[in-house]
N, C-alpha and C. Protein backbone atom coordinates (compact mmCIF):
# COMPACT_ATOMS: atom_id res chain seq x y z
N MET A 1 4.23 -0.23 8.55
CA MET A 1 3.18 -0.74 7.96
C MET A 1 3.71 -1.96 6.96
N MET A 2 2.81 -2.91 6.90
CA MET A 2 3.08 -4.00 6.10
C MET A 2 3.05 -3.94 4.71
N SER A 3 4.02 -4.90 3.97
CA SER A 3 4.42 -4.47 2.67
C SER A 3 3.24 -5.45 1.94
N LYS A 4 2.92 -4.97 0.66
CA LYS A 4 1.82 -5.69 0.17
C LYS A 4 2.32 -7.00 -0.23
N ARG A 5 1.21 -7.92 0.11
CA ARG A 5 1.38 -9.61 -0.61
C ARG A 5 0.40 -9.53 -1.35
N ARG A 6 0.90 -10.81 -2.25
CA ARG A 6 0.15 -11.37 -3.41
C ARG A 6 0.16 -12.86 -3.44
N PRO A 7 -0.96 -13.58 -4.03
CA PRO A 7 -0.92 -14.79 -4.08
C PRO A 7 0.49 -15.46 -4.90
N SER A 8 1.20 -16.63 -4.24
CA SER A 8 2.41 -17.00 -5.07
C SER A 8 1.65 -17.61 -6.23
N PRO A 9 2.49 -17.56 -7.61
CA PRO A 9 2.17 -18.17 -8.48
C PRO A 9 1.74 -19.80 -8.49
N ASP A 10 2.42 -20.39 -7.70
CA ASP A 10 2.23 -21.80 -7.38
C ASP A 10 1.15 -22.01 -6.67
N VAL A 11 0.22 -21.24 -6.46
CA VAL A 11 -1.03 -21.66 -5.67
C VAL A 11 -2.37 -21.45 -6.26
N LEU A 12 -3.18 -22.46 -6.33
CA LEU A 12 -4.35 -22.64 -6.90
C LEU A 12 -5.46 -22.42 -5.88
N ALA A 13 -6.36 -21.70 -5.71
CA ALA A 13 -7.35 -21.42 -4.84
C ALA A 13 -8.68 -21.75 -5.24
N ALA A 14 -9.52 -22.72 -4.67
CA ALA A 14 -11.01 -23.00 -4.94
C ALA A 14 -11.86 -22.51 -3.66
N HIS A 15 -12.61 -21.63 -4.15
CA HIS A 15 -13.36 -20.85 -3.04
C HIS A 15 -14.87 -21.76 -3.10
N LEU A 16 -15.12 -22.09 -1.77
CA LEU A 16 -16.16 -23.13 -1.47
C LEU A 16 -17.00 -22.19 -0.75
N GLU A 17 -18.51 -22.68 -0.24
CA GLU A 17 -19.30 -21.95 0.48
C GLU A 17 -18.67 -21.85 1.66
N GLY A 18 -18.20 -20.65 2.12
CA GLY A 18 -17.69 -20.06 3.71
C GLY A 18 -16.34 -20.53 3.86
N GLU A 19 -15.41 -21.11 2.99
CA GLU A 19 -14.33 -21.67 3.32
C GLU A 19 -13.53 -21.50 1.58
N ALA A 20 -12.28 -21.79 1.72
CA ALA A 20 -11.41 -22.26 0.58
C ALA A 20 -10.56 -23.01 0.80
N VAL A 21 -10.08 -23.91 -0.25
CA VAL A 21 -9.08 -24.68 -0.06
C VAL A 21 -7.87 -24.02 -1.55
N LEU A 22 -6.82 -24.30 -0.74
CA LEU A 22 -5.37 -23.86 -1.46
C LEU A 22 -4.78 -24.87 -1.66
N LEU A 23 -3.95 -25.00 -3.29
CA LEU A 23 -3.31 -26.34 -3.32
C LEU A 23 -2.06 -25.34 -3.58
N ASP A 24 -0.73 -25.83 -3.03
CA ASP A 24 0.59 -25.23 -3.31
C ASP A 24 1.17 -26.45 -4.32
N LEU A 25 1.23 -26.13 -5.55
CA LEU A 25 1.76 -26.74 -6.69
C LEU A 25 3.28 -27.16 -6.42
N ALA A 26 3.92 -26.40 -5.73
CA ALA A 26 5.30 -26.57 -5.39
C ALA A 26 5.78 -27.66 -4.36
N THR A 27 4.68 -27.62 -3.50
CA THR A 27 4.86 -28.70 -2.31
C THR A 27 3.87 -29.78 -2.37
N LYS A 28 3.03 -29.50 -3.27
CA LYS A 28 1.73 -30.61 -3.42
C LYS A 28 0.94 -30.73 -2.02
N ARG A 29 0.82 -29.74 -1.10
CA ARG A 29 0.19 -29.44 0.03
C ARG A 29 -0.95 -28.65 -0.22
N TYR A 30 -2.18 -29.10 0.47
CA TYR A 30 -3.46 -28.63 0.41
C TYR A 30 -3.61 -27.65 1.77
N PHE A 31 -4.24 -26.93 1.62
CA PHE A 31 -4.47 -25.93 2.93
C PHE A 31 -6.13 -25.61 2.81
N ARG A 32 -6.80 -25.86 4.06
CA ARG A 32 -8.02 -25.46 4.02
C ARG A 32 -8.21 -24.24 5.07
N LEU A 33 -9.05 -23.48 4.49
CA LEU A 33 -8.90 -21.89 5.35
C LEU A 33 -10.40 -22.11 5.46
N ASN A 34 -10.73 -21.57 6.81
CA ASN A 34 -12.21 -21.14 7.38
C ASN A 34 -12.67 -19.83 6.93
N ALA A 35 -13.78 -19.55 7.06
CA ALA A 35 -14.50 -18.34 6.67
C ALA A 35 -13.83 -17.14 6.74
N THR A 36 -12.92 -16.84 7.97
CA THR A 36 -12.16 -15.65 8.09
C THR A 36 -11.15 -15.64 7.32
N SER A 37 -10.47 -16.68 7.14
CA SER A 37 -9.27 -16.81 6.41
C SER A 37 -9.51 -16.82 4.77
N ALA A 38 -10.69 -17.42 4.69
CA ALA A 38 -11.03 -17.27 3.07
C ALA A 38 -11.21 -15.91 2.61
N THR A 39 -12.11 -15.28 3.21
CA THR A 39 -12.65 -13.72 3.30
C THR A 39 -11.08 -13.03 3.09
N ILE A 40 -10.17 -13.29 4.16
CA ILE A 40 -8.71 -12.44 3.88
C ILE A 40 -7.84 -12.86 2.44
N TRP A 41 -8.10 -14.36 2.44
CA TRP A 41 -7.51 -14.61 0.86
C TRP A 41 -7.84 -14.28 -0.30
N ARG A 42 -9.49 -13.91 -0.38
CA ARG A 42 -10.03 -13.37 -1.36
C ARG A 42 -9.79 -11.89 -1.57
N GLY A 43 -9.53 -11.12 -0.53
CA GLY A 43 -9.09 -9.78 -0.71
C GLY A 43 -8.05 -9.57 -0.93
N ILE A 44 -6.47 -10.54 -0.55
CA ILE A 44 -5.39 -10.51 -0.98
C ILE A 44 -5.53 -10.42 -2.73
N GLU A 45 -6.30 -11.78 -2.97
CA GLU A 45 -6.35 -12.13 -4.37
C GLU A 45 -6.92 -10.53 -5.35
N ALA A 46 -7.88 -10.12 -4.80
CA ALA A 46 -8.17 -8.87 -5.28
C ALA A 46 -7.54 -7.76 -5.39
N GLY A 47 -6.25 -7.80 -4.41
CA GLY A 47 -5.41 -6.66 -4.68
C GLY A 47 -5.70 -5.74 -3.30
N LYS A 48 -6.78 -5.84 -2.39
CA LYS A 48 -6.87 -5.16 -1.78
C LYS A 48 -6.30 -4.76 -0.38
N SER A 49 -6.13 -3.32 0.12
CA SER A 49 -5.17 -3.10 0.88
C SER A 49 -5.56 -3.84 2.67
N ARG A 50 -4.95 -3.76 3.39
CA ARG A 50 -4.90 -4.35 4.74
C ARG A 50 -6.29 -3.78 5.05
N ASP A 51 -6.48 -2.36 5.39
CA ASP A 51 -7.60 -1.78 5.60
C ASP A 51 -8.81 -2.11 5.12
N GLU A 52 -8.74 -2.30 3.63
CA GLU A 52 -10.12 -2.81 3.20
C GLU A 52 -10.27 -4.32 3.59
N ILE A 53 -9.28 -5.37 3.60
CA ILE A 53 -9.59 -6.48 4.22
C ILE A 53 -10.26 -6.46 5.50
N VAL A 54 -9.65 -5.56 6.52
CA VAL A 54 -10.15 -5.58 7.70
C VAL A 54 -11.75 -5.04 7.78
N THR A 55 -11.85 -4.28 6.68
CA THR A 55 -13.32 -3.55 6.71
C THR A 55 -13.96 -4.88 6.11
N ALA A 56 -13.56 -5.42 5.22
CA ALA A 56 -14.74 -6.94 5.00
C ALA A 56 -15.07 -7.59 6.25
N LEU A 57 -14.14 -8.02 7.06
CA LEU A 57 -14.25 -8.79 8.28
C LEU A 57 -15.16 -8.12 8.98
N LEU A 58 -15.05 -6.88 9.00
CA LEU A 58 -16.23 -6.27 10.10
C LEU A 58 -17.58 -6.41 9.45
N ASP A 59 -17.50 -5.99 8.23
CA ASP A 59 -18.81 -6.18 7.44
C ASP A 59 -19.63 -7.48 7.60
N GLY A 60 -18.50 -8.61 7.38
CA GLY A 60 -19.25 -9.96 7.22
C GLY A 60 -18.75 -10.74 8.59
N PHE A 61 -18.43 -10.44 9.59
CA PHE A 61 -18.33 -11.25 10.77
C PHE A 61 -18.69 -10.01 12.12
N ASP A 62 -19.01 -10.99 13.14
CA ASP A 62 -19.41 -10.21 14.28
C ASP A 62 -18.31 -10.02 15.14
N VAL A 63 -17.09 -8.95 14.54
CA VAL A 63 -15.99 -8.75 15.33
C VAL A 63 -15.69 -7.56 15.67
N ASP A 64 -14.98 -7.18 16.41
CA ASP A 64 -14.56 -5.73 16.67
C ASP A 64 -13.42 -5.23 15.83
N ALA A 65 -12.99 -4.05 15.56
CA ALA A 65 -11.68 -3.66 14.93
C ALA A 65 -10.55 -4.45 15.35
N ASP A 66 -10.28 -4.52 16.37
CA ASP A 66 -8.88 -5.14 17.21
C ASP A 66 -8.79 -6.41 16.47
N THR A 67 -9.94 -7.26 16.84
CA THR A 67 -9.88 -8.35 16.52
C THR A 67 -9.60 -8.94 14.87
N ALA A 68 -10.37 -8.04 14.22
CA ALA A 68 -10.31 -8.03 12.81
C ALA A 68 -8.82 -7.98 12.39
N GLU A 69 -8.34 -6.58 12.93
CA GLU A 69 -6.88 -6.25 12.38
C GLU A 69 -5.85 -7.65 12.57
N HIS A 70 -6.01 -7.96 14.09
CA HIS A 70 -5.03 -9.43 14.34
C HIS A 70 -5.29 -10.42 13.43
N ALA A 71 -6.74 -10.51 13.45
CA ALA A 71 -7.04 -11.88 12.34
C ALA A 71 -6.30 -11.62 10.71
N VAL A 72 -6.33 -10.47 10.27
CA VAL A 72 -5.83 -10.13 9.07
C VAL A 72 -3.95 -10.17 9.14
N ASP A 73 -3.72 -9.71 9.90
CA ASP A 73 -2.02 -9.86 10.34
C ASP A 73 -1.64 -11.20 10.52
N ALA A 74 -2.34 -11.86 11.31
CA ALA A 74 -2.01 -13.29 11.79
C ALA A 74 -2.22 -14.04 10.63
N SER A 75 -2.98 -13.94 9.63
CA SER A 75 -3.49 -15.16 8.51
C SER A 75 -2.24 -14.51 7.47
N ILE A 76 -1.90 -12.95 7.30
CA ILE A 76 -0.87 -12.85 6.42
C ILE A 76 0.35 -13.47 6.77
N ASP A 77 0.70 -13.49 8.01
CA ASP A 77 2.02 -13.84 8.61
C ASP A 77 2.12 -15.44 7.99
N GLU A 78 1.18 -16.05 8.80
CA GLU A 78 1.16 -17.40 8.48
C GLU A 78 1.24 -17.93 6.89
N LEU A 79 0.30 -17.26 6.05
CA LEU A 79 0.02 -17.81 4.43
C LEU A 79 1.41 -17.39 4.26
N SER A 80 2.33 -16.22 4.80
CA SER A 80 3.62 -15.84 3.90
C SER A 80 4.57 -17.04 4.37
N ARG A 81 4.83 -17.38 5.65
CA ARG A 81 5.44 -18.28 6.17
C ARG A 81 5.44 -19.70 5.46
N ARG A 82 4.00 -19.92 4.81
CA ARG A 82 3.99 -21.48 4.50
C ARG A 82 4.18 -21.01 3.01
N GLY A 83 4.57 -20.04 2.58
CA GLY A 83 5.01 -19.79 1.05
C GLY A 83 3.76 -19.54 0.17
N LEU A 84 2.75 -19.57 0.60
CA LEU A 84 1.52 -19.19 -0.15
C LEU A 84 1.24 -17.78 -0.51
N LEU A 85 1.99 -16.98 0.02
CA LEU A 85 1.88 -15.41 -0.50
C LEU A 85 3.59 -15.08 -0.60
N ARG A 86 3.49 -14.13 -1.53
CA ARG A 86 4.75 -13.37 -1.61
C ARG A 86 4.61 -11.91 -1.75
N GLU A 87 5.75 -11.13 -1.69
CA GLU A 87 5.84 -9.63 -1.57
C GLU A 87 5.38 -9.28 -3.14
N ALA A 88 4.34 -8.43 -2.93
CA ALA A 88 4.42 -7.73 -4.55
C ALA A 88 5.30 -6.86 -4.90
N THR A 89 5.55 -6.74 -6.24
CA THR A 89 6.78 -5.82 -6.74
C THR A 89 5.99 -4.88 -7.70
N GLY A 90 6.83 -4.14 -8.11
CA GLY A 90 6.55 -3.15 -8.74
C GLY A 90 5.95 -3.57 -10.23
N ASP A 91 6.38 -4.93 -10.68
CA ASP A 91 6.05 -5.30 -11.81
C ASP A 91 4.39 -6.08 -11.76
N ASP A 92 4.06 -6.08 -10.71
CA ASP A 92 2.74 -6.67 -10.29
C ASP A 92 1.83 -5.75 -10.41
N ASP A 93 0.72 -6.23 -11.27
CA ASP A 93 -0.68 -5.35 -11.98
C ASP A 93 -1.68 -5.63 -10.74
N GLY A 94 -1.76 -6.61 -9.99
CA GLY A 94 -2.66 -6.75 -9.17
C GLY A 94 -3.71 -7.82 -9.27
């Protein structure tokens, strides 16, 4: 089971139609998210569980469950490696 993640406090997100742009204030780097990754990011911002985010992909895109699960896991891994997500702690309210 993967640990709960939340956006880093150094990251600002702008939600556009069908995508999102993230700005990492610590590195001054921008990241453009496609529609799939933007949906995943919005789910993380909202404090949704992995399964809830997978369901959002299944509802919003023409994908099967395996593809949606892989997309969520790969996106969370990539966003974490880039420092855009951090592990949630017991102090996090969501």
